[in-house]
Amino acid sequence: MLNVAAILIVLVLFVLFSAIKIMKEYERGVILRLGRYVSVRGPGLIILIPGIEKLIKVNLRTVVMDVPPQDIITKDNVSMNVNAVIYFRVVHPEKSILEVQDYLYATSQLSQTTLRSILGQFELDDLLSQRDKINIELQNIIDKQTDPWGIKINAVEIKHIDLPQEMQRAMAKQAEAERERRAKIIHAEGESQAAEKLFEASEIMSKSKISLQLRYLQTLNEIATEKNSTIIFPIPIDLVKPFMAQEK
């Protein structure tokens, strides 16, 4: 009798243990009764009918998933490896269980194929300069396809673009040539502006002999402050003309 009572107590405890479930705040339980969907329960205490109802836990927190490096051939026939990261979460627990076998694996595979197909439509320069636009386009496409699974794509970010070595060298040469071109343009613009200012100054001084003499005195002042051993005295041409006439 004691053995039978002990067995009954163990069975009752087992039934109670299997019938009582506790769901965390970020979890939901999809309830199946005899294989048919009944409801979504949680968080908190959940009581099941033993042997009849089954609970499947679903995590509602945001999932951060790495998309493995993908071989991409751009529109201008440049081969590269691109990897990304995707942020998503479950918004409809029942769909994530009933509409797809494994929503994590399905989302990962969908992200990889979408990454290859979308990036292949862009040229290399666009991939490097328009990442924000491409990220938004990837997010919208993947989100539209995962919506029937109850999955919401929060963001898609391209992490790294691995270019071939010869392409990296070519881009470095192109960047260096671009910097040299800009430097030459800036230098030429500076020379042009300086020439314009000198022309304006010469026009002003040609109209006033006093301003020319003041410029001479300023030049002498600058030479003196530099402690130069050579001193230049400007002499107006009008003072020299009488002597030149006597020599003739």
Protein backbone atom coordinates (compact mmCIF):
# COMPACT_ATOMS: atom_id res chain seq x y z
CA MET A 1 0.00 0.00 0.00
CA LEU A 2 2.82 2.39 0.82
CA ASN A 3 4.43 1.73 -2.54
CA VAL A 4 1.15 2.39 -4.37
CA ALA A 5 0.61 5.62 -2.42
CA ALA A 6 4.13 6.78 -3.19
CA ILE A 7 3.61 6.04 -6.89
CA LEU A 8 0.33 7.96 -6.87
CA ILE A 9 1.96 10.93 -5.17
CA VAL A 10 4.77 10.93 -7.74
CA LEU A 11 2.24 10.77 -10.57
CA VAL A 12 0.23 13.64 -9.12
CA LEU A 13 3.36 15.76 -8.70
CA PHE A 14 4.43 14.97 -12.25
CA VAL A 15 1.01 15.94 -13.60
CA LEU A 16 1.01 19.18 -11.61
CA PHE A 17 4.56 19.98 -12.74
CA SER A 18 3.65 19.41 -16.40
CA ALA A 19 0.41 21.38 -16.07
CA ILE A 20 1.86 24.52 -14.46
CA LYS A 21 4.12 26.79 -16.48
CA ILE A 22 5.55 30.22 -15.68
CA MET A 23 6.24 32.62 -18.54
CA LYS A 24 8.67 35.52 -18.20
CA GLU A 25 7.75 39.08 -19.15
CA TYR A 26 9.47 38.80 -22.55
CA GLU A 27 8.01 35.35 -23.32
CA ARG A 28 4.71 34.18 -24.74
CA GLY A 29 3.27 30.69 -24.91
CA VAL A 30 1.51 29.38 -28.02
CA ILE A 31 -1.06 26.81 -26.84
CA LEU A 32 -1.94 23.81 -29.00
CA ARG A 33 -4.86 21.62 -27.89
CA LEU A 34 -4.81 18.21 -29.49
CA GLY A 35 -2.62 19.68 -32.21
CA ARG A 36 -4.87 22.67 -32.94
CA TYR A 37 -3.99 26.28 -32.17
CA VAL A 38 -5.97 27.68 -29.24
CA SER A 39 -4.43 30.93 -28.02
CA VAL A 40 -1.35 32.85 -26.95
CA ARG A 41 -0.85 33.12 -23.19
CA GLY A 42 1.53 34.88 -20.85
CA PRO A 43 3.37 36.31 -19.16
CA GLY A 44 2.88 34.85 -15.68
CA LEU A 45 1.33 31.60 -14.48
CA ILE A 46 -0.20 29.28 -17.08
CA ILE A 47 -2.13 26.10 -16.30
CA LEU A 48 -2.37 23.46 -19.01
CA ILE A 49 -4.52 20.39 -19.40
CA PRO A 50 -2.01 17.54 -19.04
CA GLY A 51 -1.75 15.32 -22.07
CA ILE A 52 -4.13 17.49 -24.09
CA GLU A 53 -2.54 20.92 -24.32
CA LYS A 54 1.00 21.70 -25.39
CA LEU A 55 2.87 24.96 -24.85
CA ILE A 56 5.54 26.35 -27.19
CA LYS A 57 7.59 29.25 -25.83
CA VAL A 58 8.38 32.23 -28.05
CA ASN A 59 10.91 34.94 -27.14
CA LEU A 60 9.75 38.47 -27.98
CA ARG A 61 13.10 40.22 -27.46
CA THR A 62 15.04 41.70 -30.37
CA VAL A 63 17.32 39.19 -32.05
CA VAL A 64 20.70 40.33 -33.40
CA MET A 65 21.75 38.00 -36.20
CA ASP A 66 24.96 38.09 -38.22
CA VAL A 67 24.56 37.47 -41.93
CA PRO A 68 27.60 35.42 -43.07
CA PRO A 69 29.86 36.95 -45.76
CA GLN A 70 28.30 36.64 -49.18
CA ASP A 71 30.06 36.59 -52.57
CA ILE A 72 28.68 39.55 -54.49
CA ILE A 73 29.23 40.58 -58.11
CA THR A 74 28.27 44.20 -58.58
CA LYS A 75 26.59 45.73 -61.59
CA ASP A 76 29.99 46.84 -62.91
CA ASN A 77 31.41 43.29 -62.51
CA VAL A 78 33.43 43.76 -59.32
CA SER A 79 33.66 40.67 -57.10
CA MET A 80 33.61 41.18 -53.33
CA ASN A 81 32.57 39.71 -49.99
CA VAL A 82 29.89 41.52 -47.98
CA ASN A 83 28.54 40.70 -44.54
CA ALA A 84 25.75 42.36 -42.59
CA VAL A 85 23.81 42.28 -39.35
CA ILE A 86 20.03 42.15 -39.01
CA TYR A 87 17.87 43.20 -36.05
CA PHE A 88 14.39 41.68 -35.76
CA ARG A 89 11.81 40.46 -33.25
CA VAL A 90 8.63 38.39 -33.11
CA VAL A 91 5.44 40.47 -33.02
CA HIS A 92 2.92 37.66 -33.63
CA PRO A 93 3.99 34.53 -31.72
CA GLU A 94 1.31 32.32 -33.25
CA LYS A 95 2.45 33.12 -36.81
CA SER A 96 6.11 32.44 -35.99
CA ILE A 97 5.10 28.90 -34.93
CA LEU A 98 2.30 28.08 -37.36
CA GLU A 99 3.48 29.76 -40.58
CA VAL A 100 7.15 28.71 -40.67
CA GLN A 101 9.03 25.71 -39.35
CA ASP A 102 12.03 27.56 -37.88
CA TYR A 103 11.72 31.34 -38.06
CA LEU A 104 15.34 31.97 -37.01
CA TYR A 105 16.77 29.75 -39.77
CA ALA A 106 14.26 31.05 -42.32
CA THR A 107 15.07 34.69 -41.54
CA SER A 108 18.80 34.00 -41.81
CA GLN A 109 18.47 32.30 -45.20
CA LEU A 110 16.16 35.00 -46.51
CA SER A 111 18.62 37.70 -45.42
CA GLN A 112 21.49 36.02 -47.24
CA THR A 113 19.64 35.61 -50.53
CA THR A 114 18.23 39.14 -50.38
CA LEU A 115 21.68 40.58 -49.66
CA ARG A 116 23.14 38.91 -52.75
CA SER A 117 20.29 39.86 -55.07
CA ILE A 118 19.95 43.51 -53.98
CA LEU A 119 23.66 44.40 -53.78
CA GLY A 120 24.20 42.86 -57.22
CA GLN A 121 22.01 45.62 -58.67
CA PHE A 122 24.37 48.42 -57.57
CA GLU A 123 27.74 49.58 -58.86
CA LEU A 124 30.79 49.64 -56.59
CA ASP A 125 30.79 53.41 -56.08
CA ASP A 126 27.12 53.32 -55.06
CA LEU A 127 27.75 50.53 -52.55
CA LEU A 128 30.50 52.56 -50.89
CA SER A 129 28.72 55.92 -50.91
CA GLN A 130 25.03 55.01 -50.43
CA ARG A 131 25.07 52.54 -47.55
CA ASP A 132 22.20 54.21 -45.70
CA LYS A 133 19.95 54.02 -48.73
CA ILE A 134 20.87 50.38 -49.37
CA ASN A 135 20.30 49.46 -45.71
CA ILE A 136 16.79 50.91 -45.82
CA GLU A 137 16.00 49.09 -49.06
CA LEU A 138 17.21 45.78 -47.60
CA GLN A 139 15.14 46.35 -44.47
CA ASN A 140 11.96 47.06 -46.43
CA ILE A 141 12.35 44.02 -48.69
CA ILE A 142 13.13 41.54 -45.91
CA ASP A 143 10.43 42.97 -43.65
CA LYS A 144 7.82 42.56 -46.38
CA GLN A 145 8.76 38.91 -46.88
CA THR A 146 8.89 38.03 -43.16
CA ASP A 147 5.60 39.77 -42.30
CA PRO A 148 3.52 36.58 -42.91
CA TRP A 149 5.74 34.85 -40.30
CA GLY A 150 4.96 37.46 -37.65
CA ILE A 151 8.52 38.85 -37.81
CA LYS A 152 9.30 42.59 -37.73
CA ILE A 153 12.64 43.68 -39.19
CA ASN A 154 13.88 46.66 -37.18
CA ALA A 155 17.13 47.35 -39.06
CA VAL A 156 19.64 45.91 -41.53
CA GLU A 157 23.22 47.19 -41.50
CA ILE A 158 26.04 46.34 -43.90
CA LYS A 159 29.06 45.69 -41.66
CA HIS A 160 32.01 45.21 -43.98
CA ILE A 161 32.80 45.20 -47.69
CA ASP A 162 35.90 43.16 -48.51
CA LEU A 163 37.39 44.23 -51.85
CA PRO A 164 40.10 42.39 -53.82
CA GLN A 165 43.66 43.66 -53.32
CA GLU A 166 44.01 44.94 -56.87
CA MET A 167 40.77 46.89 -56.50
CA GLN A 168 41.96 48.40 -53.22
CA ARG A 169 45.19 49.55 -54.88
CA ALA A 170 43.28 51.03 -57.81
CA MET A 171 40.95 52.92 -55.47
CA ALA A 172 43.92 54.22 -53.46
CA LYS A 173 45.54 55.56 -56.66
CA GLN A 174 42.24 57.13 -57.69
CA ALA A 175 41.86 58.82 -54.31
CA GLU A 176 45.43 60.13 -54.45
CA ALA A 177 44.91 61.52 -57.94
CA GLU A 178 41.69 63.18 -56.79
CA ARG A 179 43.48 64.82 -53.86
CA GLU A 180 46.24 66.12 -56.17
CA ARG A 181 43.63 67.50 -58.57
CA ARG A 182 41.85 69.35 -55.77
CA ALA A 183 45.15 70.72 -54.45
CA LYS A 184 46.07 72.08 -57.88
CA ILE A 185 42.64 73.64 -58.31
CA ILE A 186 42.86 75.32 -54.91
CA HIS A 187 46.38 76.59 -55.67
CA ALA A 188 45.28 77.95 -59.05
CA GLU A 189 42.28 79.67 -57.48
CA GLY A 190 44.57 81.24 -54.88
CA GLU A 191 46.94 82.51 -57.55
CA SER A 192 44.03 83.92 -59.52
CA GLN A 193 42.62 85.75 -56.50
CA ALA A 194 46.07 87.09 -55.58
CA ALA A 195 46.60 88.37 -59.11
CA GLU A 196 43.23 90.14 -59.01
CA LYS A 197 44.06 91.82 -55.71
CA LEU A 198 47.51 92.91 -56.97
CA PHE A 199 45.93 94.36 -60.08
CA GLU A 200 43.43 96.32 -57.99
CA ALA A 201 46.24 97.59 -55.72
CA SER A 202 48.34 98.68 -58.70
CA GLU A 203 45.37 100.56 -60.15
CA ILE A 204 44.87 102.42 -56.89
CA MET A 205 48.56 103.31 -56.45
CA SER A 206 48.90 104.46 -60.05
CA LYS A 207 46.27 107.11 -59.41
CA SER A 208 48.07 108.51 -56.34
CA LYS A 209 51.83 109.08 -56.09
CA ILE A 210 51.55 109.54 -52.32
CA SER A 211 50.17 106.03 -51.89
CA LEU A 212 53.14 104.68 -53.87
CA GLN A 213 55.56 106.50 -51.55
CA LEU A 214 53.74 105.14 -48.50
CA ARG A 215 54.10 101.66 -49.92
CA TYR A 216 57.86 102.22 -50.27
CA LEU A 217 58.09 103.34 -46.64
CA GLN A 218 56.12 100.30 -45.49
CA THR A 219 58.50 98.04 -47.38
CA LEU A 220 61.47 99.69 -45.66
CA ASN A 221 59.79 99.16 -42.30
CA GLU A 222 59.32 95.48 -43.03
CA ILE A 223 62.96 95.11 -44.09
CA ALA A 224 64.17 96.85 -40.94
CA THR A 225 62.12 94.64 -38.62
CA GLU A 226 63.67 91.53 -40.17
CA LYS A 227 67.19 92.76 -39.17
CA ASN A 228 68.39 92.65 -42.72
CA SER A 229 71.88 94.04 -43.46
CA THR A 230 70.74 95.50 -46.79
CA ILE A 231 68.86 98.81 -46.75
CA ILE A 232 67.05 100.14 -49.80
CA PHE A 233 66.18 103.82 -50.12
CA PRO A 234 63.45 104.54 -52.64
CA ILE A 235 64.12 107.71 -54.66
CA PRO A 236 61.38 109.22 -56.81
CA ILE A 237 62.15 109.37 -60.51
CA ASP A 238 61.38 113.11 -60.54
CA LEU A 239 64.45 113.83 -58.40
CA VAL A 240 66.75 111.88 -60.69
CA LYS A 241 65.56 113.37 -64.00
CA PRO A 242 67.60 116.68 -63.71
CA PHE A 243 70.85 114.76 -63.26
CA MET A 244 70.07 112.51 -66.17
CA ALA A 245 69.42 115.57 -68.33
CA GLN A 246 72.82 117.17 -67.38
CA GLU A 247 74.69 114.02 -68.38
CA LYS A 248 73.19 114.26 -71.82
